[in-house]
Amino acid sequence: MKTRDHAELDSEWQRKGATLSDKTAREEFGLTQDEIVQAIRAGKLRYREGSIYGNPWLRLLRREVAALVTKKHGADYLKDQQARTELARVNRELKRLNAQVAALEQRRAQLDAELGKRRQ
């Protein structure tokens, strides 16, 4: 039978957004692969192994990665990294939406042209 702490930890591994890959940790938090491996070996990060199409990767707990970065670089660094990550996400979304708007405006112009021909 699992203890309550074990059950809570298991649920954390299952909760959406509570975990991230080692690649995402490098991108979002500015860590290197060596820093991640050293933290795992030091017991500061827990991990689970995953594999996609035969390619191995590490799954980490987001809160542990954030705590590691805060301890190593400070809270301001963590906030800056998170702001940069969100800014990149917002810029990607704006680019996608602008392309969608341009396509819709082009379609609207085509439909207006068709309707204009029929009115004449």
C-alpha atoms as a PDB file:
ATOM      1  CA  MET A   1       0.000   0.000   0.000  1.00  0.00           C
ATOM      2  CA  LYS A   2       1.311   3.422  -0.932  1.00  0.00           C
ATOM      3  CA  THR A   3       1.760   6.151   1.608  1.00  0.00           C
ATOM      4  CA  ARG A   4       0.020   9.467   1.191  1.00  0.00           C
ATOM      5  CA  ASP A   5       3.283  11.172   0.122  1.00  0.00           C
ATOM      6  CA  HIS A   6       3.820   8.489  -2.514  1.00  0.00           C
ATOM      7  CA  ALA A   7       0.308   8.954  -3.865  1.00  0.00           C
ATOM      8  CA  GLU A   8       0.719  12.735  -4.010  1.00  0.00           C
ATOM      9  CA  LEU A   9       4.021  12.397  -5.857  1.00  0.00           C
ATOM     10  CA  ASP A  10       2.493   9.932  -8.314  1.00  0.00           C
ATOM     11  CA  SER A  11      -0.376  12.332  -8.977  1.00  0.00           C
ATOM     12  CA  GLU A  12       2.125  15.140  -9.556  1.00  0.00           C
ATOM     13  CA  TRP A  13       3.793  13.075 -12.289  1.00  0.00           C
ATOM     14  CA  GLN A  14       0.369  12.632 -13.915  1.00  0.00           C
ATOM     15  CA  ARG A  15      -0.899  16.226 -13.609  1.00  0.00           C
ATOM     16  CA  LYS A  16      -0.913  18.266 -16.820  1.00  0.00           C
ATOM     17  CA  GLY A  17       1.814  20.894 -16.827  1.00  0.00           C
ATOM     18  CA  ALA A  18       3.542  19.550 -13.718  1.00  0.00           C
ATOM     19  CA  THR A  19       6.269  17.843 -15.733  1.00  0.00           C
ATOM     20  CA  LEU A  20       8.513  18.838 -18.586  1.00  0.00           C
ATOM     21  CA  SER A  21      11.169  17.220 -20.707  1.00  0.00           C
ATOM     22  CA  ASP A  22      14.867  17.856 -20.275  1.00  0.00           C
ATOM     23  CA  LYS A  23      14.799  19.675 -23.638  1.00  0.00           C
ATOM     24  CA  THR A  24      12.010  21.971 -22.467  1.00  0.00           C
ATOM     25  CA  ALA A  25      13.878  22.589 -19.197  1.00  0.00           C
ATOM     26  CA  ARG A  26      16.896  23.683 -21.217  1.00  0.00           C
ATOM     27  CA  GLU A  27      14.797  25.978 -23.432  1.00  0.00           C
ATOM     28  CA  GLU A  28      12.488  27.475 -20.790  1.00  0.00           C
ATOM     29  CA  PHE A  29      14.876  27.732 -17.856  1.00  0.00           C
ATOM     30  CA  GLY A  30      18.224  28.222 -19.584  1.00  0.00           C
ATOM     31  CA  LEU A  31      19.795  25.102 -18.080  1.00  0.00           C
ATOM     32  CA  THR A  32      22.414  22.988 -19.782  1.00  0.00           C
ATOM     33  CA  GLN A  33      22.167  19.212 -20.081  1.00  0.00           C
ATOM     34  CA  ASP A  34      25.188  18.942 -17.763  1.00  0.00           C
ATOM     35  CA  GLU A  35      23.428  21.034 -15.101  1.00  0.00           C
ATOM     36  CA  ILE A  36      20.374  18.781 -15.325  1.00  0.00           C
ATOM     37  CA  VAL A  37      22.451  15.599 -15.046  1.00  0.00           C
ATOM     38  CA  GLN A  38      24.475  17.014 -12.124  1.00  0.00           C
ATOM     39  CA  ALA A  39      21.263  17.983 -10.294  1.00  0.00           C
ATOM     40  CA  ILE A  40      19.842  14.488 -10.848  1.00  0.00           C
ATOM     41  CA  ARG A  41      23.035  12.892  -9.515  1.00  0.00           C
ATOM     42  CA  ALA A  42      22.994  15.253  -6.510  1.00  0.00           C
ATOM     43  CA  GLY A  43      19.396  14.263  -5.767  1.00  0.00           C
ATOM     44  CA  LYS A  44      18.019  17.754  -6.475  1.00  0.00           C
ATOM     45  CA  LEU A  45      15.907  16.626  -9.433  1.00  0.00           C
ATOM     46  CA  ARG A  46      13.838  13.482  -9.762  1.00  0.00           C
ATOM     47  CA  TYR A  47      13.226  12.108 -13.204  1.00  0.00           C
ATOM     48  CA  ARG A  48      11.459   9.447 -15.159  1.00  0.00           C
ATOM     49  CA  GLU A  49      12.689   8.082 -18.429  1.00  0.00           C
ATOM     50  CA  GLY A  50      10.622   8.346 -21.550  1.00  0.00           C
ATOM     51  CA  SER A  51      11.070   7.423 -25.171  1.00  0.00           C
ATOM     52  CA  ILE A  52       9.422   8.697 -28.323  1.00  0.00           C
ATOM     53  CA  TYR A  53      10.079   6.836 -31.581  1.00  0.00           C
ATOM     54  CA  GLY A  54      13.094   5.216 -29.944  1.00  0.00           C
ATOM     55  CA  ASN A  55      14.577   8.520 -28.794  1.00  0.00           C
ATOM     56  CA  PRO A  56      15.134   8.639 -25.020  1.00  0.00           C
ATOM     57  CA  TRP A  57      14.332  11.714 -22.957  1.00  0.00           C
ATOM     58  CA  LEU A  58      14.017  12.668 -19.295  1.00  0.00           C
ATOM     59  CA  ARG A  59      10.781  13.813 -17.703  1.00  0.00           C
ATOM     60  CA  LEU A  60      11.319  16.235 -14.812  1.00  0.00           C
ATOM     61  CA  LEU A  61       9.055  17.887 -12.264  1.00  0.00           C
ATOM     62  CA  ARG A  62       8.562  21.540 -13.205  1.00  0.00           C
ATOM     63  CA  ARG A  63       8.537  22.779  -9.597  1.00  0.00           C
ATOM     64  CA  GLU A  64      11.879  21.071  -8.884  1.00  0.00           C
ATOM     65  CA  VAL A  65      13.446  22.601 -12.004  1.00  0.00           C
ATOM     66  CA  ALA A  66      12.132  26.046 -11.005  1.00  0.00           C
ATOM     67  CA  ALA A  67      13.510  25.607  -7.467  1.00  0.00           C
ATOM     68  CA  LEU A  68      16.901  24.555  -8.860  1.00  0.00           C
ATOM     69  CA  VAL A  69      17.088  27.579 -11.157  1.00  0.00           C
ATOM     70  CA  THR A  70      15.993  29.936  -8.371  1.00  0.00           C
ATOM     71  CA  LYS A  71      18.646  28.558  -6.024  1.00  0.00           C
ATOM     72  CA  LYS A  72      21.361  28.586  -8.684  1.00  0.00           C
ATOM     73  CA  HIS A  73      20.639  31.915 -10.422  1.00  0.00           C
ATOM     74  CA  GLY A  74      18.120  33.767  -8.226  1.00  0.00           C
ATOM     75  CA  ALA A  75      14.413  34.560  -8.423  1.00  0.00           C
ATOM     76  CA  ASP A  76      14.903  37.478 -10.841  1.00  0.00           C
ATOM     77  CA  TYR A  77      16.656  35.209 -13.341  1.00  0.00           C
ATOM     78  CA  LEU A  78      13.775  32.731 -13.123  1.00  0.00           C
ATOM     79  CA  LYS A  79      11.210  35.496 -13.705  1.00  0.00           C
ATOM     80  CA  ASP A  80      13.211  36.794 -16.683  1.00  0.00           C
ATOM     81  CA  GLN A  81      13.417  33.302 -18.205  1.00  0.00           C
ATOM     82  CA  GLN A  82       9.690  32.741 -17.721  1.00  0.00           C
ATOM     83  CA  ALA A  83       8.893  36.141 -19.272  1.00  0.00           C
ATOM     84  CA  ARG A  84      11.128  35.374 -22.282  1.00  0.00           C
ATOM     85  CA  THR A  85       9.448  32.002 -22.743  1.00  0.00           C
ATOM     86  CA  GLU A  86       5.963  33.516 -22.561  1.00  0.00           C
ATOM     87  CA  LEU A  87       6.945  36.329 -24.923  1.00  0.00           C
ATOM     88  CA  ALA A  88       8.168  33.788 -27.486  1.00  0.00           C
ATOM     89  CA  ARG A  89       4.886  31.854 -27.136  1.00  0.00           C
ATOM     90  CA  VAL A  90       2.829  35.039 -27.564  1.00  0.00           C
ATOM     91  CA  ASN A  91       4.876  36.058 -30.625  1.00  0.00           C
ATOM     92  CA  ARG A  92       4.345  32.624 -32.209  1.00  0.00           C
ATOM     93  CA  GLU A  93       0.610  32.829 -31.559  1.00  0.00           C
ATOM     94  CA  LEU A  94       0.424  36.352 -33.017  1.00  0.00           C
ATOM     95  CA  LYS A  95       2.283  35.208 -36.132  1.00  0.00           C
ATOM     96  CA  ARG A  96      -0.154  32.299 -36.527  1.00  0.00           C
ATOM     97  CA  LEU A  97      -3.179  34.548 -36.020  1.00  0.00           C
ATOM     98  CA  ASN A  98      -1.848  37.198 -38.431  1.00  0.00           C
ATOM     99  CA  ALA A  99      -1.443  34.521 -41.104  1.00  0.00           C
ATOM    100  CA  GLN A 100      -4.993  33.341 -40.426  1.00  0.00           C
ATOM    101  CA  VAL A 101      -6.325  36.913 -40.667  1.00  0.00           C
ATOM    102  CA  ALA A 102      -4.471  37.454 -43.962  1.00  0.00           C
ATOM    103  CA  ALA A 103      -5.979  34.257 -45.399  1.00  0.00           C
ATOM    104  CA  LEU A 104      -9.467  35.285 -44.282  1.00  0.00           C
ATOM    105  CA  GLU A 105      -9.081  38.765 -45.760  1.00  0.00           C
ATOM    106  CA  GLN A 106      -7.952  37.238 -49.051  1.00  0.00           C
ATOM    107  CA  ARG A 107     -10.974  34.927 -49.067  1.00  0.00           C
ATOM    108  CA  ARG A 108     -13.269  37.858 -48.261  1.00  0.00           C
ATOM    109  CA  ALA A 109     -11.841  39.803 -51.207  1.00  0.00           C
ATOM    110  CA  GLN A 110     -12.474  36.809 -53.493  1.00  0.00           C
ATOM    111  CA  LEU A 111     -16.067  36.511 -52.300  1.00  0.00           C
ATOM    112  CA  ASP A 112     -16.644  40.277 -52.668  1.00  0.00           C
ATOM    113  CA  ALA A 113     -15.282  40.098 -56.226  1.00  0.00           C
ATOM    114  CA  GLU A 114     -17.595  37.192 -57.078  1.00  0.00           C
ATOM    115  CA  LEU A 115     -20.605  39.010 -55.649  1.00  0.00           C
ATOM    116  CA  GLY A 116     -19.639  42.190 -57.501  1.00  0.00           C
ATOM    117  CA  LYS A 117     -19.574  40.354 -60.842  1.00  0.00           C
ATOM    118  CA  ARG A 118     -23.027  38.923 -60.232  1.00  0.00           C
ATOM    119  CA  ARG A 119     -24.507  42.326 -59.372  1.00  0.00           C
ATOM    120  CA  GLN A 120     -23.456  43.831 -62.674  1.00  0.00           C
END
